[in-house]
Amino acid sequence: MFKELKQAKVWVPFNPNLLDESDEQEGVRLKPDILRKGDDYFYPCFLTEQDIPKDYYDRFSWLQLPLTDCLSVAEEIGEFPVRGIVLDAFSDPVEIDKGAFEAIRQL
């Protein structure tokens, strides 16, 4: 399963945040959504657009990214102690802890 995931492109939700002059940059920064399950935080990724509930889909901007890019983003999120990524969180969720990220990359 992990070998196919390594090559997959997934859909990820973002909130666009405008940067102002006080940030010493101009433009838009895309802030990823984070899902909470109990005390754990996950970076959500979806294999297809059909796996995303409409009410959730409508609240975000979406990008399709290689799964390996999502692993890196999940590792760099400092705002929450992200445990890993969750695939298809609202249908058949598959949680992948950060400890498995390197194994996925090595496949």
PDB file of N, CA and C in Angstrom:
ATOM      1  N   MET A   1       0.828  -1.190   0.000  1.00  0.00           N
ATOM      2  CA  MET A   1       0.000   0.000   0.000  1.00  0.00           C
ATOM      3  C   MET A   1       0.878   1.262   0.000  1.00  0.00           C
ATOM      4  N   PHE A   2       1.936   1.297   0.823  1.00  0.00           N
ATOM      5  CA  PHE A   2       2.765   2.490   0.919  1.00  0.00           C
ATOM      6  C   PHE A   2       3.477   2.805  -0.386  1.00  0.00           C
ATOM      7  N   LYS A   3       3.841   1.774  -1.160  1.00  0.00           N
ATOM      8  CA  LYS A   3       4.546   2.019  -2.421  1.00  0.00           C
ATOM      9  C   LYS A   3       3.659   2.799  -3.393  1.00  0.00           C
ATOM     10  N   GLU A   4       2.376   2.434  -3.461  1.00  0.00           N
ATOM     11  CA  GLU A   4       1.442   3.163  -4.322  1.00  0.00           C
ATOM     12  C   GLU A   4       1.206   4.580  -3.794  1.00  0.00           C
ATOM     13  N   LEU A   5       1.150   4.714  -2.465  1.00  0.00           N
ATOM     14  CA  LEU A   5       0.930   6.035  -1.877  1.00  0.00           C
ATOM     15  C   LEU A   5       2.079   6.986  -2.175  1.00  0.00           C
ATOM     16  N   LYS A   6       3.288   6.469  -2.178  1.00  0.00           N
ATOM     17  CA  LYS A   6       4.451   7.322  -2.422  1.00  0.00           C
ATOM     18  C   LYS A   6       4.329   8.036  -3.762  1.00  0.00           C
ATOM     19  N   GLN A   7       3.730   7.383  -4.744  1.00  0.00           N
ATOM     20  CA  GLN A   7       3.602   7.958  -6.077  1.00  0.00           C
ATOM     21  C   GLN A   7       2.283   8.703  -6.283  1.00  0.00           C
ATOM     22  N   ALA A   8       1.418   8.683  -5.267  1.00  0.00           N
ATOM     23  CA  ALA A   8       0.083   9.278  -5.400  1.00  0.00           C
ATOM     24  C   ALA A   8       0.123  10.798  -5.285  1.00  0.00           C
ATOM     25  N   LYS A   9      -0.848  11.420  -5.942  1.00  0.00           N
ATOM     26  CA  LYS A   9      -1.125  12.840  -5.726  1.00  0.00           C
ATOM     27  C   LYS A   9      -2.414  12.896  -4.915  1.00  0.00           C
ATOM     28  N   VAL A  10      -2.431  13.765  -3.920  1.00  0.00           N
ATOM     29  CA  VAL A  10      -3.580  13.859  -3.030  1.00  0.00           C
ATOM     30  C   VAL A  10      -4.084  15.299  -2.992  1.00  0.00           C
ATOM     31  N   TRP A  11      -5.325  15.456  -2.580  1.00  0.00           N
ATOM     32  CA  TRP A  11      -5.948  16.767  -2.442  1.00  0.00           C
ATOM     33  C   TRP A  11      -5.790  17.216  -0.999  1.00  0.00           C
ATOM     34  N   VAL A  12      -5.339  18.465  -0.807  1.00  0.00           N
ATOM     35  CA  VAL A  12      -5.126  18.990   0.541  1.00  0.00           C
ATOM     36  C   VAL A  12      -5.815  20.344   0.703  1.00  0.00           C
ATOM     37  N   PRO A  13      -6.443  20.570   1.880  1.00  0.00           N
ATOM     38  CA  PRO A  13      -7.159  21.824   2.130  1.00  0.00           C
ATOM     39  C   PRO A  13      -6.244  22.899   2.715  1.00  0.00           C
ATOM     40  N   PHE A  14      -6.433  24.124   2.245  1.00  0.00           N
ATOM     41  CA  PHE A  14      -5.669  25.271   2.733  1.00  0.00           C
ATOM     42  C   PHE A  14      -6.591  26.459   2.937  1.00  0.00           C
ATOM     43  N   ASN A  15      -6.220  27.312   3.872  1.00  0.00           N
ATOM     44  CA  ASN A  15      -6.831  28.625   4.026  1.00  0.00           C
ATOM     45  C   ASN A  15      -5.843  29.646   3.499  1.00  0.00           C
ATOM     46  N   PRO A  16      -6.253  30.469   2.530  1.00  0.00           N
ATOM     47  CA  PRO A  16      -5.336  31.512   2.064  1.00  0.00           C
ATOM     48  C   PRO A  16      -5.287  32.666   3.061  1.00  0.00           C
ATOM     49  N   ASN A  17      -4.098  33.080   3.458  1.00  0.00           N
ATOM     50  CA  ASN A  17      -3.911  34.224   4.354  1.00  0.00           C
ATOM     51  C   ASN A  17      -3.123  35.287   3.613  1.00  0.00           C
ATOM     52  N   LEU A  18      -3.692  36.487   3.547  1.00  0.00           N
ATOM     53  CA  LEU A  18      -2.997  37.589   2.902  1.00  0.00           C
ATOM     54  C   LEU A  18      -1.872  38.085   3.798  1.00  0.00           C
ATOM     55  N   LEU A  19      -0.725  38.294   3.213  1.00  0.00           N
ATOM     56  CA  LEU A  19       0.401  38.867   3.948  1.00  0.00           C
ATOM     57  C   LEU A  19       0.363  40.374   3.746  1.00  0.00           C
ATOM     58  N   ASP A  20       0.625  41.112   4.811  1.00  0.00           N
ATOM     59  CA  ASP A  20       0.671  42.563   4.646  1.00  0.00           C
ATOM     60  C   ASP A  20       2.108  43.048   4.798  1.00  0.00           C
ATOM     61  N   GLU A  21       2.288  44.332   4.685  1.00  0.00           N
ATOM     62  CA  GLU A  21       3.639  44.891   4.707  1.00  0.00           C
ATOM     63  C   GLU A  21       4.365  44.611   6.012  1.00  0.00           C
ATOM     64  N   SER A  22       3.640  44.416   7.121  1.00  0.00           N
ATOM     65  CA  SER A  22       4.298  44.151   8.398  1.00  0.00           C
ATOM     66  C   SER A  22       5.009  42.800   8.380  1.00  0.00           C
ATOM     67  N   ASP A  23       4.608  41.914   7.490  1.00  0.00           N
ATOM     68  CA  ASP A  23       5.276  40.618   7.349  1.00  0.00           C
ATOM     69  C   ASP A  23       6.532  40.722   6.488  1.00  0.00           C
ATOM     70  N   GLU A  24       6.820  41.944   5.986  1.00  0.00           N
ATOM     71  CA  GLU A  24       7.954  42.190   5.098  1.00  0.00           C
ATOM     72  C   GLU A  24       7.868  41.386   3.801  1.00  0.00           C
ATOM     73  N   GLN A  25       6.682  40.933   3.489  1.00  0.00           N
ATOM     74  CA  GLN A  25       6.416  40.216   2.246  1.00  0.00           C
ATOM     75  C   GLN A  25       5.014  40.608   1.801  1.00  0.00           C
ATOM     76  N   GLU A  26       4.762  40.427   0.536  1.00  0.00           N
ATOM     77  CA  GLU A  26       3.411  40.630   0.044  1.00  0.00           C
ATOM     78  C   GLU A  26       2.975  39.366  -0.651  1.00  0.00           C
ATOM     79  N   GLY A  27       1.673  39.139  -0.677  1.00  0.00           N
ATOM     80  CA  GLY A  27       1.151  37.974  -1.356  1.00  0.00           C
ATOM     81  C   GLY A  27       0.241  37.179  -0.444  1.00  0.00           C
ATOM     82  N   VAL A  28       0.174  35.883  -0.740  1.00  0.00           N
ATOM     83  CA  VAL A  28      -0.718  34.993  -0.011  1.00  0.00           C
ATOM     84  C   VAL A  28       0.085  33.814   0.520  1.00  0.00           C
ATOM     85  N   ARG A  29      -0.149  33.477   1.768  1.00  0.00           N
ATOM     86  CA  ARG A  29       0.442  32.275   2.363  1.00  0.00           C
ATOM     87  C   ARG A  29      -0.698  31.265   2.539  1.00  0.00           C
ATOM     88  N   LEU A  30      -0.451  30.057   2.101  1.00  0.00           N
ATOM     89  CA  LEU A  30      -1.455  29.010   2.241  1.00  0.00           C
ATOM     90  C   LEU A  30      -1.224  28.274   3.551  1.00  0.00           C
ATOM     91  N   LYS A  31      -2.201  28.344   4.440  1.00  0.00           N
ATOM     92  CA  LYS A  31      -2.108  27.707   5.751  1.00  0.00           C
ATOM     93  C   LYS A  31      -2.912  26.407   5.709  1.00  0.00           C
ATOM     94  N   PRO A  32      -2.269  25.272   5.948  1.00  0.00           N
ATOM     95  CA  PRO A  32      -2.991  24.000   5.859  1.00  0.00           C
ATOM     96  C   PRO A  32      -4.001  23.828   6.992  1.00  0.00           C
ATOM     97  N   ASP A  33      -5.088  23.142   6.695  1.00  0.00           N
ATOM     98  CA  ASP A  33      -6.036  22.783   7.734  1.00  0.00           C
ATOM     99  C   ASP A  33      -5.426  21.642   8.550  1.00  0.00           C
ATOM    100  N   ILE A  34      -5.771  21.589   9.815  1.00  0.00           N
ATOM    101  CA  ILE A  34      -5.322  20.516  10.698  1.00  0.00           C
ATOM    102  C   ILE A  34      -6.567  19.942  11.370  1.00  0.00           C
ATOM    103  N   LEU A  35      -6.672  18.617  11.387  1.00  0.00           N
ATOM    104  CA  LEU A  35      -7.798  17.950  12.046  1.00  0.00           C
ATOM    105  C   LEU A  35      -7.345  17.421  13.404  1.00  0.00           C
ATOM    106  N   ARG A  36      -8.247  17.482  14.357  1.00  0.00           N
ATOM    107  CA  ARG A  36      -7.947  17.006  15.703  1.00  0.00           C
ATOM    108  C   ARG A  36      -8.791  15.770  16.005  1.00  0.00           C
ATOM    109  N   LYS A  37      -8.148  14.771  16.587  1.00  0.00           N
ATOM    110  CA  LYS A  37      -8.821  13.563  17.045  1.00  0.00           C
ATOM    111  C   LYS A  37      -8.332  13.306  18.461  1.00  0.00           C
ATOM    112  N   GLY A  38      -9.154  13.662  19.451  1.00  0.00           N
ATOM    113  CA  GLY A  38      -8.713  13.563  20.838  1.00  0.00           C
ATOM    114  C   GLY A  38      -7.554  14.520  21.065  1.00  0.00           C
ATOM    115  N   ASP A  39      -6.428  13.989  21.537  1.00  0.00           N
ATOM    116  CA  ASP A  39      -5.238  14.804  21.768  1.00  0.00           C
ATOM    117  C   ASP A  39      -4.293  14.826  20.568  1.00  0.00           C
ATOM    118  N   ASP A  40      -4.675  14.167  19.485  1.00  0.00           N
ATOM    119  CA  ASP A  40      -3.808  14.046  18.312  1.00  0.00           C
ATOM    120  C   ASP A  40      -4.251  14.990  17.200  1.00  0.00           C
ATOM    121  N   TYR A  41      -3.260  15.509  16.466  1.00  0.00           N
ATOM    122  CA  TYR A  41      -3.508  16.398  15.336  1.00  0.00           C
ATOM    123  C   TYR A  41      -2.974  15.737  14.070  1.00  0.00           C
ATOM    124  N   PHE A  42      -3.732  15.890  12.983  1.00  0.00           N
ATOM    125  CA  PHE A  42      -3.372  15.266  11.717  1.00  0.00           C
ATOM    126  C   PHE A  42      -3.508  16.266  10.575  1.00  0.00           C
ATOM    127  N   TYR A  43      -2.631  16.098   9.597  1.00  0.00           N
ATOM    128  CA  TYR A  43      -2.685  16.864   8.357  1.00  0.00           C
ATOM    129  C   TYR A  43      -3.537  16.050   7.383  1.00  0.00           C
ATOM    130  N   PRO A  44      -4.715  16.553   6.990  1.00  0.00           N
ATOM    131  CA  PRO A  44      -5.615  15.766   6.150  1.00  0.00           C
ATOM    132  C   PRO A  44      -5.233  15.777   4.671  1.00  0.00           C
ATOM    133  N   CYS A  45      -5.321  14.618   4.042  1.00  0.00           N
ATOM    134  CA  CYS A  45      -5.077  14.448   2.612  1.00  0.00           C
ATOM    135  C   CYS A  45      -6.173  13.539   2.064  1.00  0.00           C
ATOM    136  N   PHE A  46      -6.589  13.790   0.853  1.00  0.00           N
ATOM    137  CA  PHE A  46      -7.672  13.022   0.248  1.00  0.00           C
ATOM    138  C   PHE A  46      -7.236  12.475  -1.102  1.00  0.00           C
ATOM    139  N   LEU A  47      -7.516  11.190  -1.323  1.00  0.00           N
ATOM    140  CA  LEU A  47      -7.088  10.551  -2.570  1.00  0.00           C
ATOM    141  C   LEU A  47      -7.861  11.054  -3.778  1.00  0.00           C
ATOM    142  N   THR A  48      -9.145  11.339  -3.600  1.00  0.00           N
ATOM    143  CA  THR A  48      -9.957  11.874  -4.698  1.00  0.00           C
ATOM    144  C   THR A  48     -10.854  12.989  -4.160  1.00  0.00           C
ATOM    145  N   GLU A  49     -11.318  13.846  -5.051  1.00  0.00           N
ATOM    146  CA  GLU A  49     -12.240  14.902  -4.636  1.00  0.00           C
ATOM    147  C   GLU A  49     -13.561  14.316  -4.130  1.00  0.00           C
ATOM    148  N   GLN A  50     -13.925  13.152  -4.623  1.00  0.00           N
ATOM    149  CA  GLN A  50     -15.162  12.511  -4.198  1.00  0.00           C
ATOM    150  C   GLN A  50     -15.119  12.071  -2.735  1.00  0.00           C
ATOM    151  N   ASP A  51     -13.928  11.940  -2.169  1.00  0.00           N
ATOM    152  CA  ASP A  51     -13.772  11.549  -0.767  1.00  0.00           C
ATOM    153  C   ASP A  51     -13.943  12.723   0.190  1.00  0.00           C
ATOM    154  N   ILE A  52     -14.151  13.923  -0.346  1.00  0.00           N
ATOM    155  CA  ILE A  52     -14.237  15.127   0.482  1.00  0.00           C
ATOM    156  C   ILE A  52     -15.705  15.535   0.615  1.00  0.00           C
ATOM    157  N   PRO A  53     -16.243  15.602   1.851  1.00  0.00           N
ATOM    158  CA  PRO A  53     -17.632  16.067   2.015  1.00  0.00           C
ATOM    159  C   PRO A  53     -17.791  17.491   1.481  1.00  0.00           C
ATOM    160  N   LYS A  54     -18.928  17.754   0.849  1.00  0.00           N
ATOM    161  CA  LYS A  54     -19.167  19.049   0.206  1.00  0.00           C
ATOM    162  C   LYS A  54     -19.032  20.209   1.186  1.00  0.00           C
ATOM    163  N   ASP A  55     -19.593  20.096   2.400  1.00  0.00           N
ATOM    164  CA  ASP A  55     -19.515  21.218   3.341  1.00  0.00           C
ATOM    165  C   ASP A  55     -18.070  21.502   3.755  1.00  0.00           C
ATOM    166  N   TYR A  56     -17.239  20.474   3.846  1.00  0.00           N
ATOM    167  CA  TYR A  56     -15.819  20.659   4.159  1.00  0.00           C
ATOM    168  C   TYR A  56     -15.093  21.240   2.943  1.00  0.00           C
ATOM    169  N   TYR A  57     -15.388  20.714   1.782  1.00  0.00           N
ATOM    170  CA  TYR A  57     -14.761  21.167   0.535  1.00  0.00           C
ATOM    171  C   TYR A  57     -14.985  22.666   0.321  1.00  0.00           C
ATOM    172  N   ASP A  58     -16.205  23.123   0.578  1.00  0.00           N
ATOM    173  CA  ASP A  58     -16.564  24.518   0.312  1.00  0.00           C
ATOM    174  C   ASP A  58     -15.869  25.514   1.242  1.00  0.00           C
ATOM    175  N   ARG A  59     -15.308  25.063   2.358  1.00  0.00           N
ATOM    176  CA  ARG A  59     -14.689  25.964   3.336  1.00  0.00           C
ATOM    177  C   ARG A  59     -13.225  26.272   3.043  1.00  0.00           C
ATOM    178  N   PHE A  60     -12.620  25.606   2.049  1.00  0.00           N
ATOM    179  CA  PHE A  60     -11.179  25.722   1.837  1.00  0.00           C
ATOM    180  C   PHE A  60     -10.828  25.935   0.375  1.00  0.00           C
ATOM    181  N   SER A  61      -9.586  26.342   0.176  1.00  0.00           N
ATOM    182  CA  SER A  61      -8.960  26.291  -1.143  1.00  0.00           C
ATOM    183  C   SER A  61      -8.230  24.955  -1.194  1.00  0.00           C
ATOM    184  N   TRP A  62      -8.109  24.389  -2.394  1.00  0.00           N
ATOM    185  CA  TRP A  62      -7.553  23.037  -2.511  1.00  0.00           C
ATOM    186  C   TRP A  62      -6.411  22.996  -3.510  1.00  0.00           C
ATOM    187  N   LEU A  63      -5.409  22.201  -3.189  1.00  0.00           N
ATOM    188  CA  LEU A  63      -4.310  21.927  -4.103  1.00  0.00           C
ATOM    189  C   LEU A  63      -4.123  20.422  -4.196  1.00  0.00           C
ATOM    190  N   GLN A  64      -3.715  19.978  -5.368  1.00  0.00           N
ATOM    191  CA  GLN A  64      -3.357  18.575  -5.525  1.00  0.00           C
ATOM    192  C   GLN A  64      -1.830  18.505  -5.505  1.00  0.00           C
ATOM    193  N   LEU A  65      -1.302  17.759  -4.547  1.00  0.00           N
ATOM    194  CA  LEU A  65       0.144  17.679  -4.331  1.00  0.00           C
ATOM    195  C   LEU A  65       0.602  16.232  -4.272  1.00  0.00           C
ATOM    196  N   PRO A  66       1.867  15.977  -4.589  1.00  0.00           N
ATOM    197  CA  PRO A  66       2.404  14.634  -4.370  1.00  0.00           C
ATOM    198  C   PRO A  66       2.375  14.315  -2.867  1.00  0.00           C
ATOM    199  N   LEU A  67       2.038  13.091  -2.527  1.00  0.00           N
ATOM    200  CA  LEU A  67       1.974  12.698  -1.121  1.00  0.00           C
ATOM    201  C   LEU A  67       3.297  12.978  -0.411  1.00  0.00           C
ATOM    202  N   THR A  68       4.413  12.772  -1.094  1.00  0.00           N
ATOM    203  CA  THR A  68       5.709  13.005  -0.454  1.00  0.00           C
ATOM    204  C   THR A  68       5.868  14.469  -0.028  1.00  0.00           C
ATOM    205  N   ASP A  69       5.299  15.409  -0.782  1.00  0.00           N
ATOM    206  CA  ASP A  69       5.323  16.819  -0.378  1.00  0.00           C
ATOM    207  C   ASP A  69       4.508  17.020   0.899  1.00  0.00           C
ATOM    208  N   CYS A  70       3.394  16.303   1.016  1.00  0.00           N
ATOM    209  CA  CYS A  70       2.533  16.408   2.199  1.00  0.00           C
ATOM    210  C   CYS A  70       3.246  15.894   3.448  1.00  0.00           C
ATOM    211  N   LEU A  71       4.068  14.872   3.283  1.00  0.00           N
ATOM    212  CA  LEU A  71       4.831  14.361   4.426  1.00  0.00           C
ATOM    213  C   LEU A  71       5.740  15.454   4.962  1.00  0.00           C
ATOM    214  N   SER A  72       6.400  16.166   4.057  1.00  0.00           N
ATOM    215  CA  SER A  72       7.296  17.249   4.470  1.00  0.00           C
ATOM    216  C   SER A  72       6.535  18.382   5.141  1.00  0.00           C
ATOM    217  N   VAL A  73       5.394  18.738   4.587  1.00  0.00           N
ATOM    218  CA  VAL A  73       4.585  19.810   5.183  1.00  0.00           C
ATOM    219  C   VAL A  73       4.155  19.410   6.592  1.00  0.00           C
ATOM    220  N   ALA A  74       3.693  18.179   6.763  1.00  0.00           N
ATOM    221  CA  ALA A  74       3.244  17.713   8.078  1.00  0.00           C
ATOM    222  C   ALA A  74       4.378  17.773   9.100  1.00  0.00           C
ATOM    223  N   GLU A  75       5.595  17.491   8.659  1.00  0.00           N
ATOM    224  CA  GLU A  75       6.744  17.530   9.569  1.00  0.00           C
ATOM    225  C   GLU A  75       7.102  18.957   9.975  1.00  0.00           C
ATOM    226  N   GLU A  76       6.772  19.920   9.131  1.00  0.00           N
ATOM    227  CA  GLU A  76       7.181  21.306   9.369  1.00  0.00           C
ATOM    228  C   GLU A  76       6.136  22.145  10.089  1.00  0.00           C
ATOM    229  N   ILE A  77       4.934  21.621  10.285  1.00  0.00           N
ATOM    230  CA  ILE A  77       3.879  22.390  10.945  1.00  0.00           C
ATOM    231  C   ILE A  77       4.254  22.542  12.419  1.00  0.00           C
ATOM    232  N   GLY A  78       4.435  23.785  12.848  1.00  0.00           N
ATOM    233  CA  GLY A  78       4.851  24.024  14.217  1.00  0.00           C
ATOM    234  C   GLY A  78       3.734  24.502  15.127  1.00  0.00           C
ATOM    235  N   GLU A  79       2.609  24.893  14.535  1.00  0.00           N
ATOM    236  CA  GLU A  79       1.518  25.457  15.314  1.00  0.00           C
ATOM    237  C   GLU A  79       0.854  24.411  16.211  1.00  0.00           C
ATOM    238  N   PHE A  80       0.821  23.159  15.754  1.00  0.00           N
ATOM    239  CA  PHE A  80       0.228  22.054  16.507  1.00  0.00           C
ATOM    240  C   PHE A  80       1.212  20.885  16.508  1.00  0.00           C
ATOM    241  N   PRO A  81       1.144  20.028  17.538  1.00  0.00           N
ATOM    242  CA  PRO A  81       1.996  18.824  17.542  1.00  0.00           C
ATOM    243  C   PRO A  81       1.389  17.751  16.632  1.00  0.00           C
ATOM    244  N   VAL A  82       1.606  17.901  15.335  1.00  0.00           N
ATOM    245  CA  VAL A  82       1.000  17.012  14.349  1.00  0.00           C
ATOM    246  C   VAL A  82       1.598  15.607  14.486  1.00  0.00           C
ATOM    247  N   ARG A  83       0.712  14.618  14.651  1.00  0.00           N
ATOM    248  CA  ARG A  83       1.153  13.231  14.801  1.00  0.00           C
ATOM    249  C   ARG A  83       1.467  12.576  13.467  1.00  0.00           C
ATOM    250  N   GLY A  84       0.787  13.045  12.406  1.00  0.00           N
ATOM    251  CA  GLY A  84       0.993  12.463  11.086  1.00  0.00           C
ATOM    252  C   GLY A  84      -0.030  12.990  10.109  1.00  0.00           C
ATOM    253  N   ILE A  85      -0.272  12.214   9.054  1.00  0.00           N
ATOM    254  CA  ILE A  85      -1.308  12.587   8.095  1.00  0.00           C
ATOM    255  C   ILE A  85      -2.466  11.615   8.232  1.00  0.00           C
ATOM    256  N   VAL A  86      -3.625  12.046   7.787  1.00  0.00           N
ATOM    257  CA  VAL A  86      -4.775  11.150   7.727  1.00  0.00           C
ATOM    258  C   VAL A  86      -5.319  11.217   6.302  1.00  0.00           C
ATOM    259  N   LEU A  87      -5.430  10.063   5.686  1.00  0.00           N
ATOM    260  CA  LEU A  87      -6.011   9.964   4.346  1.00  0.00           C
ATOM    261  C   LEU A  87      -7.502   9.747   4.471  1.00  0.00           C
ATOM    262  N   ASP A  88      -8.276  10.458   3.666  1.00  0.00           N
ATOM    263  CA  ASP A  88      -9.727  10.277   3.586  1.00  0.00           C
ATOM    264  C   ASP A  88     -10.383  10.274   4.963  1.00  0.00           C
ATOM    265  N   ALA A  89     -10.151  11.332   5.715  1.00  0.00           N
ATOM    266  CA  ALA A  89     -10.572  11.433   7.113  1.00  0.00           C
ATOM    267  C   ALA A  89     -12.062  11.229   7.345  1.00  0.00           C
ATOM    268  N   PHE A  90     -12.888  11.516   6.353  1.00  0.00           N
ATOM    269  CA  PHE A  90     -14.331  11.472   6.573  1.00  0.00           C
ATOM    270  C   PHE A  90     -15.013  10.251   5.972  1.00  0.00           C
ATOM    271  N   SER A  91     -14.255   9.371   5.321  1.00  0.00           N
ATOM    272  CA  SER A  91     -14.868   8.163   4.759  1.00  0.00           C
ATOM    273  C   SER A  91     -14.212   6.929   5.375  1.00  0.00           C
ATOM    274  N   ASP A  92     -13.091   6.505   4.856  1.00  0.00           N
ATOM    275  CA  ASP A  92     -12.345   5.366   5.404  1.00  0.00           C
ATOM    276  C   ASP A  92     -10.969   5.862   5.833  1.00  0.00           C
ATOM    277  N   PRO A  93     -10.872   6.482   7.018  1.00  0.00           N
ATOM    278  CA  PRO A  93      -9.616   7.120   7.403  1.00  0.00           C
ATOM    279  C   PRO A  93      -8.462   6.137   7.592  1.00  0.00           C
ATOM    280  N   VAL A  94      -7.303   6.561   7.101  1.00  0.00           N
ATOM    281  CA  VAL A  94      -6.059   5.826   7.297  1.00  0.00           C
ATOM    282  C   VAL A  94      -5.064   6.812   7.903  1.00  0.00           C
ATOM    283  N   GLU A  95      -4.665   6.560   9.151  1.00  0.00           N
ATOM    284  CA  GLU A  95      -3.712   7.423   9.833  1.00  0.00           C
ATOM    285  C   GLU A  95      -2.293   6.903   9.591  1.00  0.00           C
ATOM    286  N   ILE A  96      -1.407   7.810   9.225  1.00  0.00           N
ATOM    287  CA  ILE A  96      -0.006   7.459   9.012  1.00  0.00           C
ATOM    288  C   ILE A  96       0.828   8.352   9.913  1.00  0.00           C
ATOM    289  N   ASP A  97       1.426   7.750  10.926  1.00  0.00           N
ATOM    290  CA  ASP A  97       2.242   8.498  11.881  1.00  0.00           C
ATOM    291  C   ASP A  97       3.549   8.967  11.253  1.00  0.00           C
ATOM    292  N   LYS A  98       4.097  10.048  11.799  1.00  0.00           N
ATOM    293  CA  LYS A  98       5.359  10.594  11.300  1.00  0.00           C
ATOM    294  C   LYS A  98       6.473   9.548  11.276  1.00  0.00           C
ATOM    295  N   GLY A  99       6.433   8.606  12.207  1.00  0.00           N
ATOM    296  CA  GLY A  99       7.456   7.571  12.265  1.00  0.00           C
ATOM    297  C   GLY A  99       7.530   6.722  11.014  1.00  0.00           C
ATOM    298  N   ALA A 100       6.453   6.663  10.240  1.00  0.00           N
ATOM    299  CA  ALA A 100       6.421   5.866   9.008  1.00  0.00           C
ATOM    300  C   ALA A 100       6.828   6.678   7.781  1.00  0.00           C
ATOM    301  N   PHE A 101       6.985   7.987   7.924  1.00  0.00           N
ATOM    302  CA  PHE A 101       7.267   8.842   6.766  1.00  0.00           C
ATOM    303  C   PHE A 101       8.550   8.442   6.048  1.00  0.00           C
ATOM    304  N   GLU A 102       9.603   8.198   6.807  1.00  0.00           N
ATOM    305  CA  GLU A 102      10.880   7.886   6.177  1.00  0.00           C
ATOM    306  C   GLU A 102      10.803   6.548   5.437  1.00  0.00           C
ATOM    307  N   ALA A 103      10.073   5.588   5.986  1.00  0.00           N
ATOM    308  CA  ALA A 103       9.909   4.294   5.314  1.00  0.00           C
ATOM    309  C   ALA A 103       9.194   4.470   3.972  1.00  0.00           C
ATOM    310  N   ILE A 104       8.205   5.353   3.949  1.00  0.00           N
ATOM    311  CA  ILE A 104       7.479   5.633   2.699  1.00  0.00           C
ATOM    312  C   ILE A 104       8.426   6.260   1.683  1.00  0.00           C
ATOM    313  N   ARG A 105       9.225   7.211   2.120  1.00  0.00           N
ATOM    314  CA  ARG A 105      10.165   7.878   1.220  1.00  0.00           C
ATOM    315  C   ARG A 105      11.201   6.905   0.630  1.00  0.00           C
ATOM    316  N   GLN A 106      11.579   5.888   1.410  1.00  0.00           N
ATOM    317  CA  GLN A 106      12.628   4.950   0.989  1.00  0.00           C
ATOM    318  C   GLN A 106      12.128   3.888   0.010  1.00  0.00           C
ATOM    319  N   LEU A 107      10.819   3.745  -0.144  1.00  0.00           N
ATOM    320  CA  LEU A 107      10.283   2.701  -1.027  1.00  0.00           C
ATOM    321  C   LEU A 107      10.636   2.965  -2.483  1.00  0.00           C
TER     322      LEU A 107
END
